[in-house]
């Protein structure tokens, strides 16, 4: 699992074109970290930012709903006989990213 400072650095690089303040990046890094889920990748999307998480255990989704600002949440089990790997995709609302909160896409 990435530390908050490493995640902030990754977010800053990935979202550099949007000229987000350090405060917004730091808040976003704290919001997208979820215990028990490893971040695979993240990218801008129509919701703001979409994050792909991976876990070997059935995911606990309560932390997402408690944080608020979730526009979309999808869970995909991998494996046919034994669901031994899970992919969780979350779309977080980020009003500071232009057009994201309006659903206009890129």
N, C-alpha and C. Protein backbone atom coordinates (compact mmCIF):
# COMPACT_ATOMS: atom_id res chain seq x y z
N UNK A 1 0.84 -1.18 0.00
CA UNK A 1 0.00 0.00 0.00
C UNK A 1 0.88 1.24 0.00
N UNK A 2 0.53 2.19 -0.80
CA UNK A 2 1.30 3.42 -0.92
C UNK A 2 1.06 4.33 0.29
N UNK A 3 2.11 5.04 0.69
CA UNK A 3 1.95 6.02 1.75
C UNK A 3 1.23 7.23 1.18
N UNK A 4 0.71 8.05 2.06
CA UNK A 4 -0.03 9.23 1.62
C UNK A 4 0.84 10.19 0.83
N UNK A 5 2.11 10.34 1.24
CA UNK A 5 2.99 11.27 0.52
C UNK A 5 3.34 10.73 -0.87
N UNK A 6 3.57 9.42 -0.99
CA UNK A 6 3.86 8.83 -2.30
C UNK A 6 2.64 8.93 -3.20
N UNK A 7 1.46 8.69 -2.63
CA UNK A 7 0.23 8.78 -3.41
C UNK A 7 -0.01 10.22 -3.86
N UNK A 8 0.26 11.18 -2.98
CA UNK A 8 0.11 12.59 -3.36
C UNK A 8 1.03 12.94 -4.53
N UNK A 9 2.27 12.42 -4.49
CA UNK A 9 3.21 12.69 -5.58
C UNK A 9 2.72 12.07 -6.88
N UNK A 10 2.20 10.85 -6.82
CA UNK A 10 1.66 10.21 -8.03
C UNK A 10 0.47 10.98 -8.57
N UNK A 11 -0.42 11.42 -7.67
CA UNK A 11 -1.59 12.20 -8.09
C UNK A 11 -1.17 13.51 -8.73
N UNK A 12 -0.18 14.18 -8.14
CA UNK A 12 0.29 15.46 -8.69
C UNK A 12 0.79 15.29 -10.11
N UNK A 13 1.54 14.23 -10.36
CA UNK A 13 2.07 13.99 -11.71
C UNK A 13 0.94 13.65 -12.68
N UNK A 14 0.05 12.78 -12.25
CA UNK A 14 -1.01 12.30 -13.14
C UNK A 14 -2.02 13.39 -13.47
N UNK A 15 -2.26 14.29 -12.51
CA UNK A 15 -3.28 15.32 -12.68
C UNK A 15 -2.67 16.70 -12.90
N UNK A 16 -1.40 16.77 -13.29
CA UNK A 16 -0.69 18.04 -13.45
C UNK A 16 -1.39 18.99 -14.42
N UNK A 17 -2.00 18.48 -15.45
CA UNK A 17 -2.65 19.31 -16.44
C UNK A 17 -3.85 20.08 -15.90
N UNK A 18 -4.37 19.66 -14.76
CA UNK A 18 -5.54 20.32 -14.18
C UNK A 18 -5.17 21.42 -13.20
N UNK A 19 -3.88 21.55 -12.91
CA UNK A 19 -3.37 22.62 -12.02
C UNK A 19 -4.11 22.65 -10.69
N UNK A 20 -4.21 21.49 -10.04
CA UNK A 20 -4.86 21.41 -8.74
C UNK A 20 -3.90 21.86 -7.65
N UNK A 21 -4.40 22.51 -6.63
CA UNK A 21 -3.56 22.97 -5.53
C UNK A 21 -3.06 21.78 -4.72
N UNK A 22 -1.99 22.02 -3.96
CA UNK A 22 -1.45 20.97 -3.10
C UNK A 22 -2.48 20.51 -2.07
N UNK A 23 -3.30 21.43 -1.59
CA UNK A 23 -4.33 21.09 -0.61
C UNK A 23 -5.36 20.12 -1.20
N UNK A 24 -5.75 20.37 -2.45
CA UNK A 24 -6.72 19.49 -3.12
C UNK A 24 -6.10 18.11 -3.34
N UNK A 25 -4.84 18.06 -3.78
CA UNK A 25 -4.15 16.79 -4.00
C UNK A 25 -4.05 16.01 -2.70
N UNK A 26 -3.68 16.70 -1.62
CA UNK A 26 -3.53 16.03 -0.32
C UNK A 26 -4.87 15.48 0.17
N UNK A 27 -5.93 16.27 0.02
CA UNK A 27 -7.27 15.82 0.42
C UNK A 27 -7.71 14.62 -0.41
N UNK A 28 -7.45 14.68 -1.71
CA UNK A 28 -7.83 13.60 -2.61
C UNK A 28 -7.06 12.32 -2.27
N UNK A 29 -5.77 12.45 -1.98
CA UNK A 29 -4.96 11.28 -1.61
C UNK A 29 -5.52 10.61 -0.36
N UNK A 30 -5.93 11.39 0.60
CA UNK A 30 -6.52 10.83 1.81
C UNK A 30 -7.86 10.18 1.56
N UNK A 31 -8.61 10.74 0.64
CA UNK A 31 -9.95 10.23 0.34
C UNK A 31 -9.92 8.92 -0.42
N UNK A 32 -8.93 8.72 -1.30
CA UNK A 32 -8.95 7.51 -2.12
C UNK A 32 -8.22 6.33 -1.49
N UNK A 33 -7.50 6.56 -0.39
CA UNK A 33 -6.86 5.43 0.30
C UNK A 33 -7.89 4.70 1.14
N UNK A 34 -7.99 3.39 0.94
CA UNK A 34 -8.94 2.57 1.67
C UNK A 34 -8.20 1.37 2.24
N UNK A 35 -8.30 1.16 3.55
CA UNK A 35 -7.63 0.02 4.18
C UNK A 35 -8.11 -1.28 3.56
N UNK A 36 -7.15 -2.16 3.28
CA UNK A 36 -7.47 -3.47 2.73
C UNK A 36 -7.54 -3.52 1.21
N UNK A 37 -7.45 -2.36 0.56
CA UNK A 37 -7.50 -2.32 -0.90
C UNK A 37 -6.22 -1.68 -1.43
N UNK A 38 -5.61 -2.33 -2.40
CA UNK A 38 -4.42 -1.80 -3.05
C UNK A 38 -4.83 -1.01 -4.28
N UNK A 39 -4.27 0.17 -4.44
CA UNK A 39 -4.57 0.99 -5.61
C UNK A 39 -3.75 0.48 -6.79
N UNK A 40 -4.46 0.08 -7.85
CA UNK A 40 -3.79 -0.37 -9.06
C UNK A 40 -3.46 0.80 -9.96
N UNK A 41 -4.46 1.62 -10.25
CA UNK A 41 -4.24 2.80 -11.08
C UNK A 41 -5.37 3.79 -10.83
N UNK A 42 -5.15 5.01 -11.25
CA UNK A 42 -6.18 6.04 -11.18
C UNK A 42 -6.03 6.94 -12.39
N UNK A 43 -7.12 7.56 -12.77
CA UNK A 43 -7.12 8.40 -13.96
C UNK A 43 -8.31 9.35 -13.92
N UNK A 44 -8.20 10.50 -14.59
CA UNK A 44 -9.35 11.38 -14.69
C UNK A 44 -10.48 10.68 -15.45
N UNK A 45 -11.70 10.96 -15.06
CA UNK A 45 -12.86 10.37 -15.74
C UNK A 45 -14.02 11.35 -15.64
N UNK A 46 -15.16 10.99 -16.15
CA UNK A 46 -16.30 11.91 -16.17
C UNK A 46 -16.78 12.26 -14.77
N UNK A 47 -16.43 11.47 -13.76
CA UNK A 47 -16.86 11.74 -12.39
C UNK A 47 -15.89 12.66 -11.67
N UNK A 48 -14.67 12.71 -12.11
CA UNK A 48 -13.60 13.45 -11.46
C UNK A 48 -12.33 12.63 -11.57
N UNK A 49 -12.25 11.61 -10.73
CA UNK A 49 -11.13 10.66 -10.81
C UNK A 49 -11.66 9.26 -10.53
N UNK A 50 -11.23 8.31 -11.34
CA UNK A 50 -11.61 6.91 -11.16
C UNK A 50 -10.39 6.15 -10.66
N UNK A 51 -10.62 5.28 -9.70
CA UNK A 51 -9.55 4.52 -9.08
C UNK A 51 -9.87 3.04 -9.18
N UNK A 52 -8.88 2.25 -9.63
CA UNK A 52 -9.00 0.80 -9.67
C UNK A 52 -8.25 0.22 -8.48
N UNK A 53 -8.99 -0.52 -7.66
CA UNK A 53 -8.42 -1.17 -6.48
C UNK A 53 -8.41 -2.67 -6.70
N UNK A 54 -7.51 -3.36 -5.99
CA UNK A 54 -7.42 -4.82 -6.02
C UNK A 54 -7.34 -5.34 -4.60
N UNK A 55 -7.94 -6.52 -4.39
CA UNK A 55 -7.85 -7.17 -3.10
C UNK A 55 -8.04 -8.67 -3.27
N UNK A 56 -7.49 -9.43 -2.34
CA UNK A 56 -7.64 -10.88 -2.35
C UNK A 56 -8.78 -11.34 -1.45
N UNK A 57 -9.42 -10.42 -0.77
CA UNK A 57 -10.54 -10.74 0.12
C UNK A 57 -11.79 -10.04 -0.40
N UNK A 58 -12.96 -10.56 -0.09
CA UNK A 58 -14.17 -9.84 -0.49
C UNK A 58 -14.10 -8.41 0.06
N UNK A 59 -14.31 -7.41 -0.79
CA UNK A 59 -14.13 -6.02 -0.35
C UNK A 59 -15.22 -5.56 0.62
N UNK A 60 -14.80 -4.74 1.56
CA UNK A 60 -15.73 -4.08 2.48
C UNK A 60 -15.99 -2.70 1.90
N UNK A 61 -17.23 -2.39 1.59
CA UNK A 61 -17.55 -1.16 0.87
C UNK A 61 -17.99 -0.01 1.77
N UNK A 62 -18.20 -0.26 3.05
CA UNK A 62 -18.62 0.80 3.97
C UNK A 62 -17.69 2.01 3.97
N UNK A 63 -16.36 1.83 3.93
CA UNK A 63 -15.49 3.03 3.93
C UNK A 63 -15.76 3.98 2.76
N UNK A 64 -16.17 3.46 1.63
CA UNK A 64 -16.47 4.32 0.50
C UNK A 64 -17.68 5.21 0.79
N UNK A 65 -18.74 4.62 1.29
CA UNK A 65 -19.98 5.37 1.51
C UNK A 65 -19.83 6.37 2.63
N UNK A 66 -19.02 6.06 3.64
CA UNK A 66 -18.83 6.99 4.77
C UNK A 66 -18.11 8.26 4.33
N UNK A 67 -17.25 8.16 3.33
CA UNK A 67 -16.48 9.32 2.88
C UNK A 67 -17.30 10.28 2.05
N UNK A 68 -18.30 9.78 1.39
CA UNK A 68 -19.10 10.63 0.51
C UNK A 68 -18.34 10.99 -0.76
N UNK A 69 -19.01 11.66 -1.66
CA UNK A 69 -18.37 12.07 -2.90
C UNK A 69 -18.12 10.94 -3.87
N UNK A 70 -18.83 9.83 -3.70
CA UNK A 70 -18.70 8.68 -4.60
C UNK A 70 -19.80 8.79 -5.65
N UNK A 71 -19.39 8.86 -6.91
CA UNK A 71 -20.36 8.95 -7.99
C UNK A 71 -20.69 7.57 -8.57
N UNK A 72 -19.73 6.65 -8.47
CA UNK A 72 -19.93 5.31 -9.04
C UNK A 72 -19.04 4.33 -8.30
N UNK A 73 -19.57 3.12 -8.10
CA UNK A 73 -18.81 2.06 -7.44
C UNK A 73 -19.16 0.73 -8.09
N UNK A 74 -18.15 0.02 -8.58
CA UNK A 74 -18.35 -1.26 -9.24
C UNK A 74 -17.43 -2.29 -8.58
N UNK A 75 -17.92 -3.51 -8.46
CA UNK A 75 -17.13 -4.60 -7.89
C UNK A 75 -17.16 -5.77 -8.87
N UNK A 76 -15.97 -6.27 -9.22
CA UNK A 76 -15.85 -7.38 -10.15
C UNK A 76 -15.11 -8.53 -9.47
N UNK A 77 -15.75 -9.70 -9.34
CA UNK A 77 -15.00 -10.86 -8.85
C UNK A 77 -14.25 -11.53 -10.00
N UNK A 78 -13.04 -11.97 -9.73
CA UNK A 78 -12.26 -12.71 -10.72
C UNK A 78 -12.21 -14.18 -10.29
N UNK A 79 -12.14 -15.06 -11.23
CA UNK A 79 -12.14 -16.49 -10.94
C UNK A 79 -13.52 -17.07 -11.16
N UNK A 80 -13.57 -18.29 -11.63
CA UNK A 80 -14.85 -18.92 -11.93
C UNK A 80 -15.30 -19.80 -10.76
N UNK A 81 -14.43 -20.69 -10.32
CA UNK A 81 -14.79 -21.59 -9.24
C UNK A 81 -14.58 -20.93 -7.88
N UNK A 82 -13.47 -20.25 -7.74
CA UNK A 82 -13.14 -19.61 -6.47
C UNK A 82 -12.86 -18.13 -6.73
N UNK A 83 -13.67 -17.25 -6.18
CA UNK A 83 -13.47 -15.82 -6.36
C UNK A 83 -12.34 -15.38 -5.44
N UNK A 84 -11.11 -15.53 -5.94
CA UNK A 84 -9.95 -15.28 -5.10
C UNK A 84 -9.34 -13.90 -5.30
N UNK A 85 -9.85 -13.14 -6.22
CA UNK A 85 -9.32 -11.80 -6.49
C UNK A 85 -10.49 -10.89 -6.82
N UNK A 86 -10.45 -9.66 -6.30
CA UNK A 86 -11.53 -8.72 -6.50
C UNK A 86 -11.00 -7.41 -7.08
N UNK A 87 -11.75 -6.84 -7.98
CA UNK A 87 -11.43 -5.55 -8.59
C UNK A 87 -12.56 -4.60 -8.21
N UNK A 88 -12.21 -3.51 -7.56
CA UNK A 88 -13.18 -2.49 -7.19
C UNK A 88 -12.83 -1.22 -7.95
N UNK A 89 -13.78 -0.65 -8.66
CA UNK A 89 -13.57 0.60 -9.38
C UNK A 89 -14.49 1.65 -8.78
N UNK A 90 -13.89 2.74 -8.34
CA UNK A 90 -14.66 3.82 -7.72
C UNK A 90 -14.47 5.11 -8.51
N UNK A 91 -15.55 5.83 -8.71
CA UNK A 91 -15.51 7.14 -9.33
C UNK A 91 -15.75 8.19 -8.27
N UNK A 92 -14.74 9.00 -7.99
CA UNK A 92 -14.82 10.04 -6.97
C UNK A 92 -15.13 11.39 -7.61
N UNK A 93 -16.04 12.13 -7.00
CA UNK A 93 -16.35 13.47 -7.48
C UNK A 93 -15.21 14.40 -7.08
N UNK A 94 -14.68 15.14 -8.06
CA UNK A 94 -13.64 16.14 -7.81
C UNK A 94 -14.07 17.40 -8.56
N UNK A 95 -14.77 18.30 -7.86
CA UNK A 95 -15.29 19.50 -8.53
C UNK A 95 -14.20 20.39 -9.12
N UNK A 96 -12.96 20.27 -8.63
CA UNK A 96 -11.87 21.10 -9.13
C UNK A 96 -11.39 20.69 -10.52
N UNK A 97 -11.80 19.50 -10.98
CA UNK A 97 -11.44 19.06 -12.34
C UNK A 97 -12.55 19.55 -13.26
N UNK A 98 -12.20 20.43 -14.21
CA UNK A 98 -13.22 21.01 -15.10
C UNK A 98 -14.04 19.96 -15.83
N UNK A 99 -15.33 20.21 -15.92
CA UNK A 99 -16.31 19.39 -16.65
C UNK A 99 -16.59 18.05 -16.01
N UNK A 100 -15.80 17.61 -15.05
CA UNK A 100 -16.01 16.28 -14.47
C UNK A 100 -17.35 16.20 -13.75
N UNK A 101 -17.67 17.20 -12.95
CA UNK A 101 -18.92 17.14 -12.19
C UNK A 101 -20.15 17.35 -13.07
N UNK A 102 -19.95 17.76 -14.30
CA UNK A 102 -21.09 17.97 -15.21
C UNK A 102 -21.33 16.77 -16.10
N UNK A 103 -20.50 15.72 -15.98
CA UNK A 103 -20.68 14.52 -16.79
C UNK A 103 -20.40 14.74 -18.25
N UNK A 104 -19.59 15.75 -18.59
CA UNK A 104 -19.34 16.05 -19.99
C UNK A 104 -18.19 15.22 -20.57
N UNK A 105 -17.39 14.61 -19.72
CA UNK A 105 -16.26 13.82 -20.22
C UNK A 105 -15.15 14.67 -20.75
N UNK A 106 -14.24 14.05 -21.47
CA UNK A 106 -13.06 14.73 -22.00
C UNK A 106 -13.01 14.58 -23.49
